[in-house]
């Protein structure tokens, strides 16, 4: 479980499934999901709404 919830694990899950990551560090790191979001505006739109979903 530790690997799946770490930034790298969340990056792989998000890229392979399309699910939103549960780890903000994965989104902040340019080597992980930040570039993925920049290349996919529709995916990034959902990710930007995470704070509304999580409070």
C-alpha atoms as a PDB file:
ATOM      1  CA  UNK A   1       0.000   0.000   0.000  1.00  0.00           C
ATOM      2  CA  UNK A   2       2.851   2.400   0.690  1.00  0.00           C
ATOM      3  CA  UNK A   3       4.014   2.245  -2.927  1.00  0.00           C
ATOM      4  CA  UNK A   4       0.545   2.830  -4.359  1.00  0.00           C
ATOM      5  CA  UNK A   5       0.049   5.938  -2.237  1.00  0.00           C
ATOM      6  CA  UNK A   6       3.525   7.415  -2.806  1.00  0.00           C
ATOM      7  CA  UNK A   7       3.956  10.053  -5.549  1.00  0.00           C
ATOM      8  CA  UNK A   8       5.422   7.598  -8.063  1.00  0.00           C
ATOM      9  CA  UNK A   9       2.716   5.022  -7.394  1.00  0.00           C
ATOM     10  CA  UNK A  10      -0.005   7.652  -7.753  1.00  0.00           C
ATOM     11  CA  UNK A  11       1.553   8.796 -11.026  1.00  0.00           C
ATOM     12  CA  UNK A  12       1.414   5.300 -12.477  1.00  0.00           C
ATOM     13  CA  UNK A  13      -2.155   4.712 -11.301  1.00  0.00           C
ATOM     14  CA  UNK A  14      -3.315   8.051 -12.690  1.00  0.00           C
ATOM     15  CA  UNK A  15      -1.610   7.579 -16.053  1.00  0.00           C
ATOM     16  CA  UNK A  16      -2.761   3.995 -16.533  1.00  0.00           C
ATOM     17  CA  UNK A  17      -6.326   4.325 -15.288  1.00  0.00           C
ATOM     18  CA  UNK A  18      -7.257   7.996 -15.672  1.00  0.00           C
ATOM     19  CA  UNK A  19      -8.180   8.220 -11.985  1.00  0.00           C
ATOM     20  CA  UNK A  20      -7.317  11.394 -10.131  1.00  0.00           C
ATOM     21  CA  UNK A  21      -4.252  11.036  -7.904  1.00  0.00           C
ATOM     22  CA  UNK A  22      -4.660  11.118  -4.165  1.00  0.00           C
ATOM     23  CA  UNK A  23      -1.206  12.552  -3.618  1.00  0.00           C
ATOM     24  CA  UNK A  24      -0.568  16.252  -4.288  1.00  0.00           C
ATOM     25  CA  UNK A  25       3.184  15.651  -4.475  1.00  0.00           C
ATOM     26  CA  UNK A  26       2.673  13.682  -7.678  1.00  0.00           C
ATOM     27  CA  UNK A  27       0.974  16.711  -9.236  1.00  0.00           C
ATOM     28  CA  UNK A  28       3.594  19.178  -8.070  1.00  0.00           C
ATOM     29  CA  UNK A  29       6.600  17.274  -9.440  1.00  0.00           C
ATOM     30  CA  UNK A  30       7.479  18.142 -13.040  1.00  0.00           C
ATOM     31  CA  UNK A  31       8.919  14.648 -13.533  1.00  0.00           C
ATOM     32  CA  UNK A  32       5.671  13.011 -12.474  1.00  0.00           C
ATOM     33  CA  UNK A  33       2.132  14.223 -13.206  1.00  0.00           C
ATOM     34  CA  UNK A  34       2.598  17.927 -13.851  1.00  0.00           C
ATOM     35  CA  UNK A  35       3.773  17.309 -17.412  1.00  0.00           C
ATOM     36  CA  UNK A  36       1.038  14.692 -17.899  1.00  0.00           C
ATOM     37  CA  UNK A  37      -1.562  17.318 -16.917  1.00  0.00           C
ATOM     38  CA  UNK A  38      -0.041  19.986 -19.144  1.00  0.00           C
ATOM     39  CA  UNK A  39      -0.283  17.678 -22.159  1.00  0.00           C
ATOM     40  CA  UNK A  40      -3.865  16.641 -21.387  1.00  0.00           C
ATOM     41  CA  UNK A  41      -6.049  19.671 -20.645  1.00  0.00           C
ATOM     42  CA  UNK A  42      -9.194  17.608 -20.018  1.00  0.00           C
ATOM     43  CA  UNK A  43      -7.416  15.526 -17.406  1.00  0.00           C
ATOM     44  CA  UNK A  44      -5.958  18.658 -15.819  1.00  0.00           C
ATOM     45  CA  UNK A  45      -9.427  20.189 -15.526  1.00  0.00           C
ATOM     46  CA  UNK A  46     -10.566  17.323 -13.306  1.00  0.00           C
ATOM     47  CA  UNK A  47      -7.415  17.462 -11.216  1.00  0.00           C
ATOM     48  CA  UNK A  48      -7.919  21.194 -10.595  1.00  0.00           C
ATOM     49  CA  UNK A  49     -11.302  20.340  -9.075  1.00  0.00           C
ATOM     50  CA  UNK A  50      -9.808  17.987  -6.462  1.00  0.00           C
ATOM     51  CA  UNK A  51      -9.870  20.623  -3.683  1.00  0.00           C
ATOM     52  CA  UNK A  52     -13.615  21.001  -4.183  1.00  0.00           C
ATOM     53  CA  UNK A  53     -14.086  17.242  -3.806  1.00  0.00           C
ATOM     54  CA  UNK A  54     -11.841  16.820  -0.807  1.00  0.00           C
ATOM     55  CA  UNK A  55     -12.818  19.929   1.126  1.00  0.00           C
END
